[in-house]
Amino acid sequence: MAKQGKYAHVLPQLKKEPLVKPERWHLVEAVKKEVLNPSGPPDLMPIDGFTEQMDFIMLKLLDAAKREIGPNQYSAEFARVYAELRGAKDVVDRWLSSLNLLIEAYMVLMVERFEVEGIKGLRLENGQPVSTHPEPYAKVTDPKAFLEWCLANDDLKAKLTLHWQTINAIAKERLLAGEEDPPGVETTSLTKIRLGSE
C-alpha cells in the first residue's frame, strides 16, 4: 500500500492549481507541440553529452576570462572584459530561459501522461526516482484582509516586512525630499554600472 502524505485527508477539498501560470500557458503549449511533433529526427548525441560539452566550454570561458587582461591592467581593458562577460551572461540567460520553458513543457507532458497511465511515479533506468505528489499551495487573493489578519496575530506581526524593492523606493523618495530614513532603515551609496543603453 502506498504511503499517504500528511495532507492526503485535506487535498480532495482543495481546488487544483494549474501546472502552468496562465500568462505562460500559450508558450508552454507551443513547446509541447514541438516536442510531440518534432521537425526532424532525434540527435544522435544524448542530452547529457551536450551538457558535458557545455560544461567544458563554460569552464574554458571562465578560465580564459581570468587570464584575458594579463599585464594590460588598464580601465579600458577591465571595461572591455566586463562588457564581454555581460554579453556571455546574456547568452546564458537566453539559454536558461529557453531551457526552463522546455523543462516546463516536459513537466506538463510527464504529469499528463502519469495521470493517463494512473501512476504517481516511476524509477529511471539509472535508478533515479521521478514522482508527483499534490500539496497545499497558498496565494494571497485579498492583501488587505490578509494584512489585517496578520496584524491581529502577535506572532506574525513581528515578522511583517515590505519587499526590499519597496523599502528601497521609499528610502530614495525620502532622501530626495530631504527626510530621514524610516526607523530601522539605513540608506547607503552603492556603485552601479551601466553598460551601453541600459
C-alpha atoms as a PDB file:
ATOM      1  CA  MET A   1       0.000   0.000   0.000  1.00  0.00           C
ATOM      2  CA  ALA A   2       1.339   3.442  -0.954  1.00  0.00           C
ATOM      3  CA  LYS A   3       2.289   5.780   1.862  1.00  0.00           C
ATOM      4  CA  GLN A   4      -0.274   8.546   2.376  1.00  0.00           C
ATOM      5  CA  GLY A   5       1.090  12.075   2.733  1.00  0.00           C
ATOM      6  CA  LYS A   6       0.239  14.220   5.732  1.00  0.00           C
ATOM      7  CA  TYR A   7      -2.101  16.358   3.601  1.00  0.00           C
ATOM      8  CA  ALA A   8      -3.939  13.431   1.991  1.00  0.00           C
ATOM      9  CA  HIS A   9      -7.111  13.978   4.025  1.00  0.00           C
ATOM     10  CA  VAL A  10      -7.441  17.689   3.088  1.00  0.00           C
ATOM     11  CA  LEU A  11      -6.253  17.746  -0.528  1.00  0.00           C
ATOM     12  CA  PRO A  12      -9.507  16.438  -2.062  1.00  0.00           C
ATOM     13  CA  GLN A  13     -11.279  19.544  -0.677  1.00  0.00           C
ATOM     14  CA  LEU A  14      -8.905  21.961  -2.441  1.00  0.00           C
ATOM     15  CA  LYS A  15      -9.217  23.406  -5.934  1.00  0.00           C
ATOM     16  CA  LYS A  16      -6.445  22.080  -8.202  1.00  0.00           C
ATOM     17  CA  GLU A  17      -3.846  24.704  -9.156  1.00  0.00           C
ATOM     18  CA  PRO A  18      -2.808  24.655 -12.837  1.00  0.00           C
ATOM     19  CA  LEU A  19       0.717  23.382 -13.505  1.00  0.00           C
ATOM     20  CA  VAL A  20       1.473  26.420 -15.665  1.00  0.00           C
ATOM     21  CA  LYS A  21       0.785  30.069 -14.846  1.00  0.00           C
ATOM     22  CA  PRO A  22      -1.931  31.426 -17.178  1.00  0.00           C
ATOM     23  CA  GLU A  23       0.415  34.012 -18.712  1.00  0.00           C
ATOM     24  CA  ARG A  24       2.818  31.209 -19.782  1.00  0.00           C
ATOM     25  CA  TRP A  25       0.212  28.714 -20.953  1.00  0.00           C
ATOM     26  CA  HIS A  26       0.475  29.579 -24.680  1.00  0.00           C
ATOM     27  CA  LEU A  27       4.286  29.396 -24.613  1.00  0.00           C
ATOM     28  CA  VAL A  28       4.266  26.004 -22.905  1.00  0.00           C
ATOM     29  CA  GLU A  29       1.586  24.679 -25.261  1.00  0.00           C
ATOM     30  CA  ALA A  30       3.667  25.750 -28.288  1.00  0.00           C
ATOM     31  CA  VAL A  31       6.754  23.957 -26.947  1.00  0.00           C
ATOM     32  CA  LYS A  32       4.671  20.856 -26.098  1.00  0.00           C
ATOM     33  CA  LYS A  33       3.590  20.728 -29.762  1.00  0.00           C
ATOM     34  CA  GLU A  34       7.240  20.955 -30.854  1.00  0.00           C
ATOM     35  CA  VAL A  35       8.127  18.070 -28.507  1.00  0.00           C
ATOM     36  CA  LEU A  36       5.208  15.908 -29.652  1.00  0.00           C
ATOM     37  CA  ASN A  37       5.714  16.702 -33.363  1.00  0.00           C
ATOM     38  CA  PRO A  38       9.467  17.255 -33.881  1.00  0.00           C
ATOM     39  CA  SER A  39      10.597  18.755 -37.175  1.00  0.00           C
ATOM     40  CA  GLY A  40      13.369  16.208 -37.712  1.00  0.00           C
ATOM     41  CA  PRO A  41      14.938  13.005 -36.406  1.00  0.00           C
ATOM     42  CA  PRO A  42      16.398  12.887 -32.898  1.00  0.00           C
ATOM     43  CA  ASP A  43      20.013  13.971 -32.496  1.00  0.00           C
ATOM     44  CA  LEU A  44      22.499  11.131 -32.187  1.00  0.00           C
ATOM     45  CA  MET A  45      24.106  12.685 -29.100  1.00  0.00           C
ATOM     46  CA  PRO A  46      22.119  12.296 -25.863  1.00  0.00           C
ATOM     47  CA  ILE A  47      21.246  15.381 -23.808  1.00  0.00           C
ATOM     48  CA  ASP A  48      23.882  14.594 -21.175  1.00  0.00           C
ATOM     49  CA  GLY A  49      26.535  14.635 -23.934  1.00  0.00           C
ATOM     50  CA  PHE A  50      25.564  18.209 -24.800  1.00  0.00           C
ATOM     51  CA  THR A  51      25.572  19.066 -21.089  1.00  0.00           C
ATOM     52  CA  GLU A  52      29.156  17.792 -20.736  1.00  0.00           C
ATOM     53  CA  GLN A  53      30.249  19.849 -23.763  1.00  0.00           C
ATOM     54  CA  MET A  54      28.529  22.971 -22.417  1.00  0.00           C
ATOM     55  CA  ASP A  55      30.185  22.485 -19.025  1.00  0.00           C
ATOM     56  CA  PHE A  56      33.591  22.091 -20.676  1.00  0.00           C
ATOM     57  CA  ILE A  57      33.116  25.244 -22.782  1.00  0.00           C
ATOM     58  CA  MET A  58      31.847  27.275 -19.817  1.00  0.00           C
ATOM     59  CA  LEU A  59      34.827  26.266 -17.680  1.00  0.00           C
ATOM     60  CA  LYS A  60      37.162  27.225 -20.567  1.00  0.00           C
ATOM     61  CA  LEU A  61      35.401  30.611 -20.910  1.00  0.00           C
ATOM     62  CA  LEU A  62      35.736  31.321 -17.189  1.00  0.00           C
ATOM     63  CA  ASP A  63      39.391  30.319 -17.191  1.00  0.00           C
ATOM     64  CA  ALA A  64      40.127  32.405 -20.306  1.00  0.00           C
ATOM     65  CA  ALA A  65      38.369  35.432 -18.783  1.00  0.00           C
ATOM     66  CA  LYS A  66      40.608  35.231 -15.700  1.00  0.00           C
ATOM     67  CA  ARG A  67      43.699  35.391 -17.936  1.00  0.00           C
ATOM     68  CA  GLU A  68      42.347  37.881 -20.518  1.00  0.00           C
ATOM     69  CA  ILE A  69      43.900  41.041 -19.062  1.00  0.00           C
ATOM     70  CA  GLY A  70      47.417  39.839 -18.327  1.00  0.00           C
ATOM     71  CA  PRO A  71      49.779  42.811 -17.886  1.00  0.00           C
ATOM     72  CA  ASN A  72      47.316  45.227 -19.592  1.00  0.00           C
ATOM     73  CA  GLN A  73      45.731  46.305 -16.328  1.00  0.00           C
ATOM     74  CA  TYR A  74      44.038  49.434 -17.613  1.00  0.00           C
ATOM     75  CA  SER A  75      40.499  50.654 -17.067  1.00  0.00           C
ATOM     76  CA  ALA A  76      39.666  50.191 -20.773  1.00  0.00           C
ATOM     77  CA  GLU A  77      40.711  46.531 -20.628  1.00  0.00           C
ATOM     78  CA  PHE A  78      38.710  45.837 -17.450  1.00  0.00           C
ATOM     79  CA  ALA A  79      35.688  47.559 -19.015  1.00  0.00           C
ATOM     80  CA  ARG A  80      36.083  45.568 -22.265  1.00  0.00           C
ATOM     81  CA  VAL A  81      36.227  42.207 -20.500  1.00  0.00           C
ATOM     82  CA  TYR A  82      33.372  43.237 -18.203  1.00  0.00           C
ATOM     83  CA  ALA A  83      31.228  44.055 -21.269  1.00  0.00           C
ATOM     84  CA  GLU A  84      32.188  40.787 -23.000  1.00  0.00           C
ATOM     85  CA  LEU A  85      31.325  38.767 -19.884  1.00  0.00           C
ATOM     86  CA  ARG A  86      27.992  40.568 -19.615  1.00  0.00           C
ATOM     87  CA  GLY A  87      27.394  39.565 -23.246  1.00  0.00           C
ATOM     88  CA  ALA A  88      28.242  35.953 -22.378  1.00  0.00           C
ATOM     89  CA  LYS A  89      25.842  36.129 -19.430  1.00  0.00           C
ATOM     90  CA  ASP A  90      23.097  37.428 -21.748  1.00  0.00           C
ATOM     91  CA  VAL A  91      23.629  34.360 -23.957  1.00  0.00           C
ATOM     92  CA  VAL A  92      23.484  32.053 -20.923  1.00  0.00           C
ATOM     93  CA  ASP A  93      20.337  33.824 -19.686  1.00  0.00           C
ATOM     94  CA  ARG A  94      18.667  33.290 -23.099  1.00  0.00           C
ATOM     95  CA  TRP A  95      19.635  29.612 -22.999  1.00  0.00           C
ATOM     96  CA  LEU A  96      18.375  29.329 -19.433  1.00  0.00           C
ATOM     97  CA  SER A  97      15.068  30.950 -20.326  1.00  0.00           C
ATOM     98  CA  SER A  98      14.585  28.535 -23.242  1.00  0.00           C
ATOM     99  CA  LEU A  99      15.750  25.592 -21.139  1.00  0.00           C
ATOM    100  CA  ASN A 100      13.305  26.462 -18.338  1.00  0.00           C
ATOM    101  CA  LEU A 101      10.461  26.670 -20.860  1.00  0.00           C
ATOM    102  CA  LEU A 102      11.412  23.262 -22.279  1.00  0.00           C
ATOM    103  CA  ILE A 103      11.615  21.774 -18.764  1.00  0.00           C
ATOM    104  CA  GLU A 104       8.178  23.217 -18.017  1.00  0.00           C
ATOM    105  CA  ALA A 105       6.736  21.677 -21.206  1.00  0.00           C
ATOM    106  CA  TYR A 106       8.231  18.269 -20.373  1.00  0.00           C
ATOM    107  CA  MET A 107       6.933  18.547 -16.799  1.00  0.00           C
ATOM    108  CA  VAL A 108       3.387  19.142 -18.059  1.00  0.00           C
ATOM    109  CA  LEU A 109       3.643  16.321 -20.603  1.00  0.00           C
ATOM    110  CA  MET A 110       5.000  13.959 -17.941  1.00  0.00           C
ATOM    111  CA  VAL A 111       2.292  14.800 -15.396  1.00  0.00           C
ATOM    112  CA  GLU A 112      -0.432  14.491 -18.040  1.00  0.00           C
ATOM    113  CA  ARG A 113       0.935  11.088 -19.064  1.00  0.00           C
ATOM    114  CA  PHE A 114       1.254   9.922 -15.444  1.00  0.00           C
ATOM    115  CA  GLU A 115      -2.430  10.767 -14.966  1.00  0.00           C
ATOM    116  CA  VAL A 116      -3.448   8.903 -18.161  1.00  0.00           C
ATOM    117  CA  GLU A 117      -1.442   5.854 -17.055  1.00  0.00           C
ATOM    118  CA  GLY A 118      -2.730   6.131 -13.466  1.00  0.00           C
ATOM    119  CA  ILE A 119       0.712   6.331 -11.883  1.00  0.00           C
ATOM    120  CA  LYS A 120       2.285   8.752  -9.416  1.00  0.00           C
ATOM    121  CA  GLY A 121       5.907   7.984 -10.259  1.00  0.00           C
ATOM    122  CA  LEU A 122       8.486   5.660 -11.704  1.00  0.00           C
ATOM    123  CA  ARG A 123      12.167   4.801 -11.494  1.00  0.00           C
ATOM    124  CA  LEU A 124      14.501   5.648 -14.374  1.00  0.00           C
ATOM    125  CA  GLU A 125      16.984   3.115 -15.767  1.00  0.00           C
ATOM    126  CA  ASN A 126      19.756   4.797 -13.767  1.00  0.00           C
ATOM    127  CA  GLY A 127      17.774   4.177 -10.565  1.00  0.00           C
ATOM    128  CA  GLN A 128      16.671   7.785 -10.094  1.00  0.00           C
ATOM    129  CA  PRO A 129      13.053   8.045  -8.949  1.00  0.00           C
ATOM    130  CA  VAL A 130      10.657  10.584 -10.507  1.00  0.00           C
ATOM    131  CA  SER A 131       7.361  11.071  -8.728  1.00  0.00           C
ATOM    132  CA  THR A 132       4.486  13.501  -8.345  1.00  0.00           C
ATOM    133  CA  HIS A 133       2.516  14.400  -5.274  1.00  0.00           C
ATOM    134  CA  PRO A 134      -0.012  17.120  -4.590  1.00  0.00           C
ATOM    135  CA  GLU A 135       0.462  19.501  -1.690  1.00  0.00           C
ATOM    136  CA  PRO A 136      -1.311  22.645  -0.491  1.00  0.00           C
ATOM    137  CA  TYR A 137      -0.294  25.874  -2.263  1.00  0.00           C
ATOM    138  CA  ALA A 138      -1.345  29.193  -0.711  1.00  0.00           C
ATOM    139  CA  LYS A 139      -1.607  32.503  -2.552  1.00  0.00           C
ATOM    140  CA  VAL A 140      -2.842  35.889  -1.352  1.00  0.00           C
ATOM    141  CA  THR A 141      -6.074  36.882  -3.100  1.00  0.00           C
ATOM    142  CA  ASP A 142      -7.044  39.779  -0.785  1.00  0.00           C
ATOM    143  CA  PRO A 143      -3.907  41.556   0.508  1.00  0.00           C
ATOM    144  CA  LYS A 144      -5.855  43.922   2.785  1.00  0.00           C
ATOM    145  CA  ALA A 145      -7.756  41.125   4.523  1.00  0.00           C
ATOM    146  CA  PHE A 146      -4.568  39.105   4.905  1.00  0.00           C
ATOM    147  CA  LEU A 147      -2.680  42.095   6.359  1.00  0.00           C
ATOM    148  CA  GLU A 148      -5.454  42.693   8.897  1.00  0.00           C
ATOM    149  CA  TRP A 149      -5.333  39.030   9.912  1.00  0.00           C
ATOM    150  CA  CYS A 150      -1.511  39.186  10.286  1.00  0.00           C
ATOM    151  CA  LEU A 151      -1.709  42.347  12.397  1.00  0.00           C
ATOM    152  CA  ALA A 152      -4.193  40.654  14.708  1.00  0.00           C
ATOM    153  CA  ASN A 153      -1.740  37.780  15.255  1.00  0.00           C
ATOM    154  CA  ASP A 154       1.108  38.790  17.614  1.00  0.00           C
ATOM    155  CA  ASP A 155       3.445  36.052  16.350  1.00  0.00           C
ATOM    156  CA  LEU A 156       3.063  37.194  12.752  1.00  0.00           C
ATOM    157  CA  LYS A 157       3.046  40.925  13.421  1.00  0.00           C
ATOM    158  CA  ALA A 158       6.755  40.914  14.329  1.00  0.00           C
ATOM    159  CA  LYS A 159       7.630  39.083  11.100  1.00  0.00           C
ATOM    160  CA  LEU A 160       5.933  41.542   8.745  1.00  0.00           C
ATOM    161  CA  THR A 161       8.142  43.496   6.355  1.00  0.00           C
ATOM    162  CA  LEU A 162       7.934  45.007   2.879  1.00  0.00           C
ATOM    163  CA  HIS A 163       9.759  43.715  -0.185  1.00  0.00           C
ATOM    164  CA  TRP A 164      13.273  45.148  -0.490  1.00  0.00           C
ATOM    165  CA  GLN A 165      12.310  46.969  -3.726  1.00  0.00           C
ATOM    166  CA  THR A 166       9.501  48.804  -1.894  1.00  0.00           C
ATOM    167  CA  ILE A 167      11.746  49.704   1.050  1.00  0.00           C
ATOM    168  CA  ASN A 168      14.424  50.984  -1.346  1.00  0.00           C
ATOM    169  CA  ALA A 169      11.899  53.107  -3.277  1.00  0.00           C
ATOM    170  CA  ILE A 170      10.586  54.640  -0.032  1.00  0.00           C
ATOM    171  CA  ALA A 171      14.125  55.414   1.149  1.00  0.00           C
ATOM    172  CA  LYS A 172      15.022  57.055  -2.198  1.00  0.00           C
ATOM    173  CA  GLU A 173      11.850  59.192  -2.146  1.00  0.00           C
ATOM    174  CA  ARG A 174      12.557  60.314   1.425  1.00  0.00           C
ATOM    175  CA  LEU A 175      16.190  61.088   0.554  1.00  0.00           C
ATOM    176  CA  LEU A 176      15.125  63.310  -2.375  1.00  0.00           C
ATOM    177  CA  ALA A 177      12.608  65.056  -0.123  1.00  0.00           C
ATOM    178  CA  GLY A 178      15.340  65.752   2.458  1.00  0.00           C
ATOM    179  CA  GLU A 179      13.724  63.437   5.003  1.00  0.00           C
ATOM    180  CA  GLU A 180      15.452  60.940   7.275  1.00  0.00           C
ATOM    181  CA  ASP A 181      15.401  57.190   6.712  1.00  0.00           C
ATOM    182  CA  PRO A 182      12.401  55.368   8.167  1.00  0.00           C
ATOM    183  CA  PRO A 183      13.183  53.864  11.597  1.00  0.00           C
ATOM    184  CA  GLY A 184      15.202  50.675  11.261  1.00  0.00           C
ATOM    185  CA  VAL A 185      16.442  51.531   7.748  1.00  0.00           C
ATOM    186  CA  GLU A 186      19.879  52.825   6.725  1.00  0.00           C
ATOM    187  CA  THR A 187      20.434  54.227   3.238  1.00  0.00           C
ATOM    188  CA  THR A 188      23.991  53.904   1.890  1.00  0.00           C
ATOM    189  CA  SER A 189      25.580  54.577  -1.511  1.00  0.00           C
ATOM    190  CA  LEU A 190      26.001  51.576  -3.820  1.00  0.00           C
ATOM    191  CA  THR A 191      28.045  51.860  -7.029  1.00  0.00           C
ATOM    192  CA  LYS A 192      26.067  50.596 -10.017  1.00  0.00           C
ATOM    193  CA  ILE A 193      27.454  50.054 -13.517  1.00  0.00           C
ATOM    194  CA  ARG A 194      25.542  50.992 -16.659  1.00  0.00           C
ATOM    195  CA  LEU A 195      26.562  49.221 -19.867  1.00  0.00           C
ATOM    196  CA  GLY A 196      25.511  50.647 -23.211  1.00  0.00           C
ATOM    197  CA  SER A 197      21.929  51.864 -23.351  1.00  0.00           C
ATOM    198  CA  GLU A 198      20.835  50.376 -20.002  1.00  0.00           C
END
